[in-house]
Amino acid sequence: MPDTVSLSLTSPHGPRTVTLSYAREGTGEPLLLLHGIGHHRQAWDPVVHILAAERDVIAVDLPGFGESPALPDGLTHDLATMNAALGALCEKLGIERPHVAGNSLGGLLALELGREKLVRSVTALSPAGFWSQAERRYAFGVLLAMRRAARSMPLPLVERLSRTAAGRAVLTSSIYARPGRRSPDAVVAETLALARAEGFTETLRAGTAVRFTDDIPGVPVTVAWGSHDRLLLRRQGIRAKHIIPRARLVRLPGCGHVPMNDDPALVARVILDGSR
């Protein structure tokens, strides 16, 4: 069962209370898992049990996604606020410098936490922020189209599509290379999560000017990219390697933008190797 925690963050108008939902399991060194925009912590479900055999795994719903409400007035869904919320979450849970793995937006946040030396290691799966302007516009266009589709489809249609591999491909092929492997219930849940994400518009708007340009000395970094990523093209991984030259760059054969479901064993191994 998920838990929630309330945090106090500073805004220009005084303290604000932020509530985050998370699920925690396993033993060992702490590992924080961060999902992408429009998704929820259940994106990590295919790998959580593997990781929990060696790590104390904390999968978080980012502010405005999944079961975490949007940020209150006075706070914006930008990188600084997201990182402040995640830092406060770790402090509240008594976690000092966890390992962190993130996908897409979560990968960018993981790298930012690494840059601030708030974590022991970073594994970034298809992280945002290494795009050209044309690539960013393309990715944002795809995300907006997915959001519009999720919000326009009645629930009975989503449920009917999710029952077949072809229907699951219609709903999720933009992010999965092997959408037929995703369970019908998971596809319905993540379609609803995308449609209902309170933080989607502000987070996407904040990402318009984002580019990651800093090296991360002193923190082990792994950048992994799916060979079939249709959202953030894999050449962006080469840019990431140039910007973070000490990073380990890993190819994920046969995986899409959200690789945890396409090849759980491979993704879990990459994360565990990166956090050793």
C-alpha atoms as a PDB file:
ATOM      1  CA  MET A   1       0.000   0.000   0.000  1.00  0.00           C
ATOM      2  CA  PRO A   2       1.269   3.528  -0.764  1.00  0.00           C
ATOM      3  CA  ASP A   3       2.095   6.023   1.941  1.00  0.00           C
ATOM      4  CA  THR A   4       1.959   9.813   1.902  1.00  0.00           C
ATOM      5  CA  VAL A   5       4.185  12.408   3.479  1.00  0.00           C
ATOM      6  CA  SER A   6       3.638  16.144   3.965  1.00  0.00           C
ATOM      7  CA  LEU A   7       6.563  18.508   3.432  1.00  0.00           C
ATOM      8  CA  SER A   8       7.067  22.211   3.996  1.00  0.00           C
ATOM      9  CA  LEU A   9       8.679  24.148   1.138  1.00  0.00           C
ATOM     10  CA  THR A  10       9.524  27.828   1.004  1.00  0.00           C
ATOM     11  CA  SER A  11       7.732  29.992  -1.558  1.00  0.00           C
ATOM     12  CA  PRO A  12       7.864  33.738  -2.251  1.00  0.00           C
ATOM     13  CA  HIS A  13       4.640  33.963  -0.265  1.00  0.00           C
ATOM     14  CA  GLY A  14       5.799  31.960   2.730  1.00  0.00           C
ATOM     15  CA  PRO A  15       5.834  28.253   3.639  1.00  0.00           C
ATOM     16  CA  ARG A  16       3.706  25.880   1.572  1.00  0.00           C
ATOM     17  CA  THR A  17       2.724  22.283   2.327  1.00  0.00           C
ATOM     18  CA  VAL A  18       3.478  19.697  -0.369  1.00  0.00           C
ATOM     19  CA  THR A  19       2.102  16.165  -0.198  1.00  0.00           C
ATOM     20  CA  LEU A  20       3.848  13.267  -1.944  1.00  0.00           C
ATOM     21  CA  SER A  21       2.662   9.691  -2.379  1.00  0.00           C
ATOM     22  CA  TYR A  22       5.221   6.896  -2.437  1.00  0.00           C
ATOM     23  CA  ALA A  23       5.609   3.140  -2.081  1.00  0.00           C
ATOM     24  CA  ARG A  24       8.546   1.531  -0.311  1.00  0.00           C
ATOM     25  CA  GLU A  25       9.830  -2.031  -0.144  1.00  0.00           C
ATOM     26  CA  GLY A  26      13.042  -4.023   0.148  1.00  0.00           C
ATOM     27  CA  THR A  27      16.199  -3.792   2.218  1.00  0.00           C
ATOM     28  CA  GLY A  28      19.675  -2.473   1.596  1.00  0.00           C
ATOM     29  CA  GLU A  29      20.979   0.898   0.487  1.00  0.00           C
ATOM     30  CA  PRO A  30      18.171   3.336  -0.405  1.00  0.00           C
ATOM     31  CA  LEU A  31      17.186   3.722  -4.061  1.00  0.00           C
ATOM     32  CA  LEU A  32      14.814   6.488  -5.154  1.00  0.00           C
ATOM     33  CA  LEU A  33      12.805   5.877  -8.370  1.00  0.00           C
ATOM     34  CA  LEU A  34      11.441   8.819 -10.390  1.00  0.00           C
ATOM     35  CA  HIS A  35       8.963   8.457 -13.269  1.00  0.00           C
ATOM     36  CA  GLY A  36       8.418  10.598 -16.376  1.00  0.00           C
ATOM     37  CA  ILE A  37       5.905  13.321 -17.185  1.00  0.00           C
ATOM     38  CA  GLY A  38       2.305  12.130 -17.322  1.00  0.00           C
ATOM     39  CA  HIS A  39       3.186   8.784 -15.758  1.00  0.00           C
ATOM     40  CA  HIS A  40       3.079   7.549 -12.170  1.00  0.00           C
ATOM     41  CA  ARG A  41       5.215   5.480  -9.828  1.00  0.00           C
ATOM     42  CA  GLN A  42       3.666   2.233 -11.140  1.00  0.00           C
ATOM     43  CA  ALA A  43       5.813   2.660 -14.248  1.00  0.00           C
ATOM     44  CA  TRP A  44       8.498   0.986 -12.115  1.00  0.00           C
ATOM     45  CA  ASP A  45       6.374  -2.011 -11.090  1.00  0.00           C
ATOM     46  CA  PRO A  46       8.060  -4.434 -13.557  1.00  0.00           C
ATOM     47  CA  VAL A  47      11.455  -3.912 -11.870  1.00  0.00           C
ATOM     48  CA  VAL A  48      10.636  -3.020  -8.248  1.00  0.00           C
ATOM     49  CA  HIS A  49      10.645  -6.596  -6.928  1.00  0.00           C
ATOM     50  CA  ILE A  50      13.983  -7.307  -8.610  1.00  0.00           C
ATOM     51  CA  LEU A  51      15.531  -4.154  -7.201  1.00  0.00           C
ATOM     52  CA  ALA A  52      14.022  -4.698  -3.746  1.00  0.00           C
ATOM     53  CA  ALA A  53      16.062  -7.881  -3.333  1.00  0.00           C
ATOM     54  CA  GLU A  54      19.153  -5.667  -2.960  1.00  0.00           C
ATOM     55  CA  ARG A  55      17.874  -2.138  -2.286  1.00  0.00           C
ATOM     56  CA  ASP A  56      15.467  -0.223  -0.058  1.00  0.00           C
ATOM     57  CA  VAL A  57      13.315   0.994  -2.961  1.00  0.00           C
ATOM     58  CA  ILE A  58      11.227   4.180  -2.740  1.00  0.00           C
ATOM     59  CA  ALA A  59       9.056   4.823  -5.820  1.00  0.00           C
ATOM     60  CA  VAL A  60       7.574   8.317  -5.769  1.00  0.00           C
ATOM     61  CA  ASP A  61       4.625   9.992  -7.473  1.00  0.00           C
ATOM     62  CA  LEU A  62       6.064  13.360  -8.484  1.00  0.00           C
ATOM     63  CA  PRO A  63       4.034  16.474  -7.562  1.00  0.00           C
ATOM     64  CA  GLY A  64       0.929  16.676  -9.723  1.00  0.00           C
ATOM     65  CA  PHE A  65       1.173  13.083 -10.966  1.00  0.00           C
ATOM     66  CA  GLY A  66      -0.255   9.777  -9.827  1.00  0.00           C
ATOM     67  CA  GLU A  67      -1.621  10.141  -6.312  1.00  0.00           C
ATOM     68  CA  SER A  68       0.450  13.231  -5.454  1.00  0.00           C
ATOM     69  CA  PRO A  69      -1.570  16.462  -5.740  1.00  0.00           C
ATOM     70  CA  ALA A  70      -0.306  19.428  -7.713  1.00  0.00           C
ATOM     71  CA  LEU A  71       1.904  21.961  -5.989  1.00  0.00           C
ATOM     72  CA  PRO A  72       0.032  24.620  -4.012  1.00  0.00           C
ATOM     73  CA  ASP A  73      -0.180  28.250  -5.120  1.00  0.00           C
ATOM     74  CA  GLY A  74       3.149  30.001  -4.835  1.00  0.00           C
ATOM     75  CA  LEU A  75       5.199  27.020  -6.049  1.00  0.00           C
ATOM     76  CA  THR A  76       5.952  26.194  -9.687  1.00  0.00           C
ATOM     77  CA  HIS A  77       6.581  22.813 -11.288  1.00  0.00           C
ATOM     78  CA  ASP A  78      10.178  23.620 -12.211  1.00  0.00           C
ATOM     79  CA  LEU A  79      13.412  21.735 -11.584  1.00  0.00           C
ATOM     80  CA  ALA A  80      14.371  23.727  -8.492  1.00  0.00           C
ATOM     81  CA  THR A  81      11.041  23.088  -6.788  1.00  0.00           C
ATOM     82  CA  MET A  82      10.950  19.421  -7.773  1.00  0.00           C
ATOM     83  CA  ASN A  83      14.449  18.900  -6.391  1.00  0.00           C
ATOM     84  CA  ALA A  84      13.580  20.742  -3.197  1.00  0.00           C
ATOM     85  CA  ALA A  85      10.549  18.486  -2.754  1.00  0.00           C
ATOM     86  CA  LEU A  86      12.600  15.334  -3.342  1.00  0.00           C
ATOM     87  CA  GLY A  87      15.318  16.513  -0.965  1.00  0.00           C
ATOM     88  CA  ALA A  88      12.697  17.224   1.696  1.00  0.00           C
ATOM     89  CA  LEU A  89      11.156  13.779   1.096  1.00  0.00           C
ATOM     90  CA  CYS A  90      14.487  12.070   1.724  1.00  0.00           C
ATOM     91  CA  GLU A  91      15.047  14.118   4.873  1.00  0.00           C
ATOM     92  CA  LYS A  92      11.562  13.257   6.119  1.00  0.00           C
ATOM     93  CA  LEU A  93      12.138   9.533   5.488  1.00  0.00           C
ATOM     94  CA  GLY A  94      15.552   9.628   7.158  1.00  0.00           C
ATOM     95  CA  ILE A  95      17.383   8.800   3.920  1.00  0.00           C
ATOM     96  CA  GLU A  96      20.820  10.339   3.453  1.00  0.00           C
ATOM     97  CA  ARG A  97      22.124  10.514  -0.125  1.00  0.00           C
ATOM     98  CA  PRO A  98      20.190   7.653  -1.740  1.00  0.00           C
ATOM     99  CA  HIS A  99      20.974   6.150  -5.097  1.00  0.00           C
ATOM    100  CA  VAL A 100      18.518   7.496  -7.661  1.00  0.00           C
ATOM    101  CA  ALA A 101      17.168   6.168 -10.943  1.00  0.00           C
ATOM    102  CA  GLY A 102      14.858   8.172 -13.165  1.00  0.00           C
ATOM    103  CA  ASN A 103      13.153   7.889 -16.536  1.00  0.00           C
ATOM    104  CA  SER A 104      12.560  10.821 -18.915  1.00  0.00           C
ATOM    105  CA  LEU A 105      11.612  13.785 -16.679  1.00  0.00           C
ATOM    106  CA  GLY A 106      12.651  11.598 -13.744  1.00  0.00           C
ATOM    107  CA  GLY A 107      16.034  11.032 -15.400  1.00  0.00           C
ATOM    108  CA  LEU A 108      16.577  14.780 -15.684  1.00  0.00           C
ATOM    109  CA  LEU A 109      15.606  15.217 -12.031  1.00  0.00           C
ATOM    110  CA  ALA A 110      17.994  12.401 -11.069  1.00  0.00           C
ATOM    111  CA  LEU A 111      20.839  14.140 -12.896  1.00  0.00           C
ATOM    112  CA  GLU A 112      19.984  17.428 -11.174  1.00  0.00           C
ATOM    113  CA  LEU A 113      20.120  15.674  -7.792  1.00  0.00           C
ATOM    114  CA  GLY A 114      23.510  14.289  -8.788  1.00  0.00           C
ATOM    115  CA  ARG A 115      24.750  17.720  -9.828  1.00  0.00           C
ATOM    116  CA  GLU A 116      23.755  19.012  -6.383  1.00  0.00           C
ATOM    117  CA  LYS A 117      25.603  16.065  -4.748  1.00  0.00           C
ATOM    118  CA  LEU A 118      22.415  14.961  -2.995  1.00  0.00           C
ATOM    119  CA  VAL A 119      22.689  11.324  -4.126  1.00  0.00           C
ATOM    120  CA  ARG A 120      25.277   8.521  -4.162  1.00  0.00           C
ATOM    121  CA  SER A 121      24.781   7.509  -7.781  1.00  0.00           C
ATOM    122  CA  VAL A 122      22.557   8.357 -10.744  1.00  0.00           C
ATOM    123  CA  THR A 123      20.998   6.089 -13.348  1.00  0.00           C
ATOM    124  CA  ALA A 124      19.127   8.082 -15.989  1.00  0.00           C
ATOM    125  CA  LEU A 125      16.959   6.182 -18.492  1.00  0.00           C
ATOM    126  CA  SER A 126      16.284   8.295 -21.606  1.00  0.00           C
ATOM    127  CA  PRO A 127      16.596  11.519 -19.590  1.00  0.00           C
ATOM    128  CA  ALA A 128      15.032  14.745 -20.796  1.00  0.00           C
ATOM    129  CA  GLY A 129      17.194  17.794 -21.402  1.00  0.00           C
ATOM    130  CA  PHE A 130      19.685  16.625 -24.053  1.00  0.00           C
ATOM    131  CA  TRP A 131      17.506  17.588 -27.001  1.00  0.00           C
ATOM    132  CA  SER A 132      17.876  20.109 -29.783  1.00  0.00           C
ATOM    133  CA  GLN A 133      15.067  22.632 -30.071  1.00  0.00           C
ATOM    134  CA  ALA A 134      13.542  20.670 -32.955  1.00  0.00           C
ATOM    135  CA  GLU A 135      13.733  17.418 -30.962  1.00  0.00           C
ATOM    136  CA  ARG A 136      12.132  19.096 -27.948  1.00  0.00           C
ATOM    137  CA  ARG A 137       9.273  20.460 -30.037  1.00  0.00           C
ATOM    138  CA  TYR A 138       8.715  17.017 -31.546  1.00  0.00           C
ATOM    139  CA  ALA A 139       8.708  15.295 -28.128  1.00  0.00           C
ATOM    140  CA  PHE A 140       6.377  17.886 -26.612  1.00  0.00           C
ATOM    141  CA  GLY A 141       4.060  17.545 -29.603  1.00  0.00           C
ATOM    142  CA  VAL A 142       3.859  13.779 -29.078  1.00  0.00           C
ATOM    143  CA  LEU A 143       3.222  14.220 -25.357  1.00  0.00           C
ATOM    144  CA  LEU A 144       0.470  16.757 -25.960  1.00  0.00           C
ATOM    145  CA  ALA A 145      -1.174  14.444 -28.513  1.00  0.00           C
ATOM    146  CA  MET A 146      -1.044  11.565 -26.012  1.00  0.00           C
ATOM    147  CA  ARG A 147      -2.545  13.785 -23.339  1.00  0.00           C
ATOM    148  CA  ARG A 148      -5.375  14.951 -25.609  1.00  0.00           C
ATOM    149  CA  ALA A 149      -6.145  11.378 -26.630  1.00  0.00           C
ATOM    150  CA  ALA A 150      -6.148  10.146 -23.019  1.00  0.00           C
ATOM    151  CA  ARG A 151      -8.504  12.939 -21.952  1.00  0.00           C
ATOM    152  CA  SER A 152     -10.881  12.492 -24.875  1.00  0.00           C
ATOM    153  CA  MET A 153     -11.394   8.722 -24.674  1.00  0.00           C
ATOM    154  CA  PRO A 154     -14.209   7.434 -22.464  1.00  0.00           C
ATOM    155  CA  LEU A 155     -13.172   4.849 -19.910  1.00  0.00           C
ATOM    156  CA  PRO A 156     -15.113   1.969 -21.564  1.00  0.00           C
ATOM    157  CA  LEU A 157     -13.151   2.549 -24.792  1.00  0.00           C
ATOM    158  CA  VAL A 158      -9.827   2.563 -22.935  1.00  0.00           C
ATOM    159  CA  GLU A 159     -10.780  -0.661 -21.176  1.00  0.00           C
ATOM    160  CA  ARG A 160     -11.859  -2.298 -24.445  1.00  0.00           C
ATOM    161  CA  LEU A 161      -8.630  -1.309 -26.228  1.00  0.00           C
ATOM    162  CA  SER A 162      -6.495  -2.526 -23.347  1.00  0.00           C
ATOM    163  CA  ARG A 163      -7.817  -6.086 -23.663  1.00  0.00           C
ATOM    164  CA  THR A 164      -5.907  -6.781 -26.899  1.00  0.00           C
ATOM    165  CA  ALA A 165      -2.237  -6.423 -27.828  1.00  0.00           C
ATOM    166  CA  ALA A 166      -3.222  -4.272 -30.805  1.00  0.00           C
ATOM    167  CA  GLY A 167      -5.308  -2.003 -28.587  1.00  0.00           C
ATOM    168  CA  ARG A 168      -2.482  -1.643 -26.066  1.00  0.00           C
ATOM    169  CA  ALA A 169      -0.225  -0.657 -28.977  1.00  0.00           C
ATOM    170  CA  VAL A 170      -2.694   2.076 -29.952  1.00  0.00           C
ATOM    171  CA  LEU A 171      -2.614   3.433 -26.408  1.00  0.00           C
ATOM    172  CA  THR A 172       1.064   3.073 -25.498  1.00  0.00           C
ATOM    173  CA  SER A 173       3.320   2.429 -28.519  1.00  0.00           C
ATOM    174  CA  SER A 174       4.739   5.950 -28.231  1.00  0.00           C
ATOM    175  CA  ILE A 175       6.515   4.972 -25.026  1.00  0.00           C
ATOM    176  CA  TYR A 176       6.845   1.155 -25.159  1.00  0.00           C
ATOM    177  CA  ALA A 177       8.626  -0.852 -27.828  1.00  0.00           C
ATOM    178  CA  ARG A 178       6.692  -3.943 -26.705  1.00  0.00           C
ATOM    179  CA  PRO A 179       3.289  -2.596 -25.638  1.00  0.00           C
ATOM    180  CA  GLY A 180       1.706  -6.043 -25.805  1.00  0.00           C
ATOM    181  CA  ARG A 181       3.720  -6.999 -22.713  1.00  0.00           C
ATOM    182  CA  ARG A 182       2.016  -4.352 -20.583  1.00  0.00           C
ATOM    183  CA  SER A 183      -0.940  -5.738 -18.654  1.00  0.00           C
ATOM    184  CA  PRO A 184      -4.442  -4.459 -19.526  1.00  0.00           C
ATOM    185  CA  ASP A 185      -4.962  -3.122 -15.999  1.00  0.00           C
ATOM    186  CA  ALA A 186      -1.642  -1.242 -16.109  1.00  0.00           C
ATOM    187  CA  VAL A 187      -2.491   0.333 -19.476  1.00  0.00           C
ATOM    188  CA  VAL A 188      -5.872   1.525 -18.199  1.00  0.00           C
ATOM    189  CA  ALA A 189      -4.296   2.915 -15.029  1.00  0.00           C
ATOM    190  CA  GLU A 190      -1.543   4.820 -16.814  1.00  0.00           C
ATOM    191  CA  THR A 191      -3.948   6.200 -19.428  1.00  0.00           C
ATOM    192  CA  LEU A 192      -6.079   7.572 -16.589  1.00  0.00           C
ATOM    193  CA  ALA A 193      -2.940   8.875 -14.851  1.00  0.00           C
ATOM    194  CA  LEU A 194      -1.985  10.799 -17.985  1.00  0.00           C
ATOM    195  CA  ALA A 195      -5.504  12.188 -18.421  1.00  0.00           C
ATOM    196  CA  ARG A 196      -5.792  13.272 -14.784  1.00  0.00           C
ATOM    197  CA  ALA A 197      -2.242  14.551 -14.157  1.00  0.00           C
ATOM    198  CA  GLU A 198      -2.741  17.937 -12.509  1.00  0.00           C
ATOM    199  CA  GLY A 199       0.886  18.930 -12.978  1.00  0.00           C
ATOM    200  CA  PHE A 200       1.189  18.048 -16.669  1.00  0.00           C
ATOM    201  CA  THR A 201       0.678  21.454 -18.281  1.00  0.00           C
ATOM    202  CA  GLU A 202       2.849  23.435 -15.851  1.00  0.00           C
ATOM    203  CA  THR A 203       5.612  20.824 -15.908  1.00  0.00           C
ATOM    204  CA  LEU A 204       5.670  20.770 -19.708  1.00  0.00           C
ATOM    205  CA  ARG A 205       5.692  24.560 -19.798  1.00  0.00           C
ATOM    206  CA  ALA A 206       8.622  24.672 -17.364  1.00  0.00           C
ATOM    207  CA  GLY A 207      10.519  22.241 -19.587  1.00  0.00           C
ATOM    208  CA  THR A 208      10.446  24.531 -22.616  1.00  0.00           C
ATOM    209  CA  ALA A 209      13.716  26.243 -21.693  1.00  0.00           C
ATOM    210  CA  VAL A 210      15.403  23.231 -20.050  1.00  0.00           C
ATOM    211  CA  ARG A 211      18.692  21.863 -21.319  1.00  0.00           C
ATOM    212  CA  PHE A 212      21.181  19.923 -19.200  1.00  0.00           C
ATOM    213  CA  THR A 213      24.644  21.420 -19.728  1.00  0.00           C
ATOM    214  CA  ASP A 214      26.713  20.576 -16.615  1.00  0.00           C
ATOM    215  CA  ASP A 215      29.160  17.795 -15.864  1.00  0.00           C
ATOM    216  CA  ILE A 216      28.599  15.790 -12.661  1.00  0.00           C
ATOM    217  CA  PRO A 217      32.029  15.164 -11.130  1.00  0.00           C
ATOM    218  CA  GLY A 218      32.327  12.947  -8.093  1.00  0.00           C
ATOM    219  CA  VAL A 219      29.062  11.030  -8.568  1.00  0.00           C
ATOM    220  CA  PRO A 220      28.847   7.773 -10.577  1.00  0.00           C
ATOM    221  CA  VAL A 221      26.451   8.343 -13.497  1.00  0.00           C
ATOM    222  CA  THR A 222      24.884   5.829 -15.873  1.00  0.00           C
ATOM    223  CA  VAL A 223      22.904   7.032 -18.885  1.00  0.00           C
ATOM    224  CA  ALA A 224      20.880   4.330 -20.657  1.00  0.00           C
ATOM    225  CA  TRP A 225      18.875   4.687 -23.863  1.00  0.00           C
ATOM    226  CA  GLY A 226      16.426   2.351 -25.531  1.00  0.00           C
ATOM    227  CA  SER A 227      17.310   1.454 -29.112  1.00  0.00           C
ATOM    228  CA  HIS A 228      13.626   1.902 -30.056  1.00  0.00           C
ATOM    229  CA  ASP A 229      12.952   5.138 -28.176  1.00  0.00           C
ATOM    230  CA  ARG A 230      10.434   7.016 -30.353  1.00  0.00           C
ATOM    231  CA  LEU A 231      10.042  10.010 -28.042  1.00  0.00           C
ATOM    232  CA  LEU A 232      13.592  11.089 -27.144  1.00  0.00           C
ATOM    233  CA  LEU A 233      15.777   9.801 -29.951  1.00  0.00           C
ATOM    234  CA  ARG A 234      18.790   7.748 -28.913  1.00  0.00           C
ATOM    235  CA  ARG A 235      21.335  10.161 -30.454  1.00  0.00           C
ATOM    236  CA  GLN A 236      20.601  12.340 -27.440  1.00  0.00           C
ATOM    237  CA  GLY A 237      22.507   9.759 -25.393  1.00  0.00           C
ATOM    238  CA  ILE A 238      25.675  10.675 -27.310  1.00  0.00           C
ATOM    239  CA  ARG A 239      25.147  14.314 -26.359  1.00  0.00           C
ATOM    240  CA  ALA A 240      24.709  13.261 -22.742  1.00  0.00           C
ATOM    241  CA  LYS A 241      28.029  11.403 -22.879  1.00  0.00           C
ATOM    242  CA  HIS A 242      29.807  14.497 -24.241  1.00  0.00           C
ATOM    243  CA  ILE A 243      28.335  16.685 -21.493  1.00  0.00           C
ATOM    244  CA  ILE A 244      28.993  14.118 -18.725  1.00  0.00           C
ATOM    245  CA  PRO A 245      32.192  12.477 -20.031  1.00  0.00           C
ATOM    246  CA  ARG A 246      32.666  10.166 -17.025  1.00  0.00           C
ATOM    247  CA  ALA A 247      29.172   8.740 -17.424  1.00  0.00           C
ATOM    248  CA  ARG A 248      28.662   5.128 -18.429  1.00  0.00           C
ATOM    249  CA  LEU A 249      26.526   5.100 -21.591  1.00  0.00           C
ATOM    250  CA  VAL A 250      24.463   1.919 -21.984  1.00  0.00           C
ATOM    251  CA  ARG A 251      22.323   0.821 -24.932  1.00  0.00           C
ATOM    252  CA  LEU A 252      19.063  -0.974 -24.148  1.00  0.00           C
ATOM    253  CA  PRO A 253      18.348  -3.189 -27.177  1.00  0.00           C
ATOM    254  CA  GLY A 254      14.701  -3.577 -28.106  1.00  0.00           C
ATOM    255  CA  CYS A 255      13.519  -1.036 -25.526  1.00  0.00           C
ATOM    256  CA  GLY A 256      11.398   2.065 -25.971  1.00  0.00           C
ATOM    257  CA  HIS A 257      11.228   5.320 -24.066  1.00  0.00           C
ATOM    258  CA  VAL A 258       9.932   3.664 -20.880  1.00  0.00           C
ATOM    259  CA  PRO A 259      12.168   0.575 -20.884  1.00  0.00           C
ATOM    260  CA  MET A 260      11.223  -0.927 -17.514  1.00  0.00           C
ATOM    261  CA  ASN A 261       8.352  -2.877 -19.050  1.00  0.00           C
ATOM    262  CA  ASP A 262      10.129  -3.779 -22.312  1.00  0.00           C
ATOM    263  CA  ASP A 263      13.023  -5.592 -20.602  1.00  0.00           C
ATOM    264  CA  PRO A 264      12.714  -5.606 -16.788  1.00  0.00           C
ATOM    265  CA  ALA A 265      15.723  -7.867 -16.167  1.00  0.00           C
ATOM    266  CA  LEU A 266      18.057  -5.727 -18.275  1.00  0.00           C
ATOM    267  CA  VAL A 267      16.871  -2.444 -16.768  1.00  0.00           C
ATOM    268  CA  ALA A 268      17.142  -3.780 -13.212  1.00  0.00           C
ATOM    269  CA  ARG A 269      20.674  -4.993 -13.912  1.00  0.00           C
ATOM    270  CA  VAL A 270      21.706  -1.608 -15.322  1.00  0.00           C
ATOM    271  CA  ILE A 271      20.302   0.185 -12.261  1.00  0.00           C
ATOM    272  CA  LEU A 272      21.917  -2.214  -9.786  1.00  0.00           C
ATOM    273  CA  ASP A 273      25.260  -2.084 -11.598  1.00  0.00           C
ATOM    274  CA  GLY A 274      25.107   1.709 -11.607  1.00  0.00           C
ATOM    275  CA  SER A 275      24.429   1.833  -7.872  1.00  0.00           C
ATOM    276  CA  ARG A 276      27.248  -0.499  -6.828  1.00  0.00           C
END
